[in-house]
C-alpha cells in the first residue's frame, strides 16, 4: 500500500473500529463514514475501494 490519502483513511477506519466509534456489521453511507473518519467523499471512495478489495 502506498502512503496516499487512501492509506490515511484505511488506517483511520481500523482506528475507529478499535476505539468503538464504528461497530462490526454497522451499515454506513460513505458520507457518514467520511464524516466519522474526517475524510471528504473522494478520499473516502478510495478508502472504501481498498477495504472492499480486502473483503
C-alpha atoms as a PDB file:
ATOM      1  CA  UNK A   1       0.000   0.000   0.000  1.00  0.00           C
ATOM      2  CA  UNK A   2       1.277   3.480  -0.788  1.00  0.00           C
ATOM      3  CA  UNK A   3       1.275   6.461   1.553  1.00  0.00           C
ATOM      4  CA  UNK A   4      -1.612   8.306  -0.119  1.00  0.00           C
ATOM      5  CA  UNK A   5      -4.783   9.673   1.407  1.00  0.00           C
ATOM      6  CA  UNK A   6      -6.496   6.305   0.950  1.00  0.00           C
ATOM      7  CA  UNK A   7      -3.901   4.837   3.323  1.00  0.00           C
ATOM      8  CA  UNK A   8      -4.757   7.538   5.867  1.00  0.00           C
ATOM      9  CA  UNK A   9      -8.442   6.624   5.521  1.00  0.00           C
ATOM     10  CA  UNK A  10      -7.657   2.924   5.739  1.00  0.00           C
ATOM     11  CA  UNK A  11      -5.768   3.412   8.996  1.00  0.00           C
ATOM     12  CA  UNK A  12      -8.450   5.765  10.351  1.00  0.00           C
ATOM     13  CA  UNK A  13     -11.103   3.117   9.613  1.00  0.00           C
ATOM     14  CA  UNK A  14      -9.372   0.475  11.736  1.00  0.00           C
ATOM     15  CA  UNK A  15      -8.585   3.005  14.456  1.00  0.00           C
ATOM     16  CA  UNK A  16     -12.300   3.900  14.618  1.00  0.00           C
ATOM     17  CA  UNK A  17     -13.155   0.192  14.968  1.00  0.00           C
ATOM     18  CA  UNK A  18     -10.659  -0.260  17.787  1.00  0.00           C
ATOM     19  CA  UNK A  19     -11.900   2.886  19.580  1.00  0.00           C
ATOM     20  CA  UNK A  20     -15.526   1.775  19.264  1.00  0.00           C
ATOM     21  CA  UNK A  21     -16.599   4.661  17.021  1.00  0.00           C
ATOM     22  CA  UNK A  22     -17.586   2.037  14.431  1.00  0.00           C
ATOM     23  CA  UNK A  23     -19.105  -1.367  15.083  1.00  0.00           C
ATOM     24  CA  UNK A  24     -18.584  -4.576  13.115  1.00  0.00           C
ATOM     25  CA  UNK A  25     -21.540  -5.103  10.804  1.00  0.00           C
ATOM     26  CA  UNK A  26     -22.645  -1.479  11.103  1.00  0.00           C
ATOM     27  CA  UNK A  27     -24.135  -0.086   7.886  1.00  0.00           C
ATOM     28  CA  UNK A  28     -22.993   3.408   6.951  1.00  0.00           C
ATOM     29  CA  UNK A  29     -23.209   5.599   3.892  1.00  0.00           C
ATOM     30  CA  UNK A  30     -19.880   6.787   2.508  1.00  0.00           C
ATOM     31  CA  UNK A  31     -20.755  10.339   3.551  1.00  0.00           C
ATOM     32  CA  UNK A  32     -21.376   9.236   7.163  1.00  0.00           C
ATOM     33  CA  UNK A  33     -18.222   7.148   7.264  1.00  0.00           C
ATOM     34  CA  UNK A  34     -16.195  10.006   5.778  1.00  0.00           C
ATOM     35  CA  UNK A  35     -17.542  12.378   8.421  1.00  0.00           C
ATOM     36  CA  UNK A  36     -16.662   9.891  11.166  1.00  0.00           C
ATOM     37  CA  UNK A  37     -13.135   9.477   9.795  1.00  0.00           C
ATOM     38  CA  UNK A  38     -12.636  13.137   8.877  1.00  0.00           C
ATOM     39  CA  UNK A  39     -12.376  12.471   5.134  1.00  0.00           C
ATOM     40  CA  UNK A  40     -14.084  14.127   2.186  1.00  0.00           C
ATOM     41  CA  UNK A  41     -16.037  11.986  -0.267  1.00  0.00           C
ATOM     42  CA  UNK A  42     -13.278  11.393  -2.842  1.00  0.00           C
ATOM     43  CA  UNK A  43     -10.683  10.014  -0.385  1.00  0.00           C
ATOM     44  CA  UNK A  44     -13.483   8.065   1.307  1.00  0.00           C
ATOM     45  CA  UNK A  45     -14.289   6.362  -2.006  1.00  0.00           C
ATOM     46  CA  UNK A  46     -10.629   5.404  -2.433  1.00  0.00           C
ATOM     47  CA  UNK A  47     -10.555   4.031   1.108  1.00  0.00           C
ATOM     48  CA  UNK A  48     -13.764   2.077   0.526  1.00  0.00           C
ATOM     49  CA  UNK A  49     -12.268   0.551  -2.629  1.00  0.00           C
ATOM     50  CA  UNK A  50      -9.239  -0.636  -0.636  1.00  0.00           C
ATOM     51  CA  UNK A  51     -11.406  -2.112   2.109  1.00  0.00           C
ATOM     52  CA  UNK A  52     -13.678  -3.879  -0.398  1.00  0.00           C
ATOM     53  CA  UNK A  53     -10.641  -5.380  -2.154  1.00  0.00           C
ATOM     54  CA  UNK A  54      -9.566  -6.939   1.149  1.00  0.00           C
ATOM     55  CA  UNK A  55     -13.008  -8.392   1.742  1.00  0.00           C
END
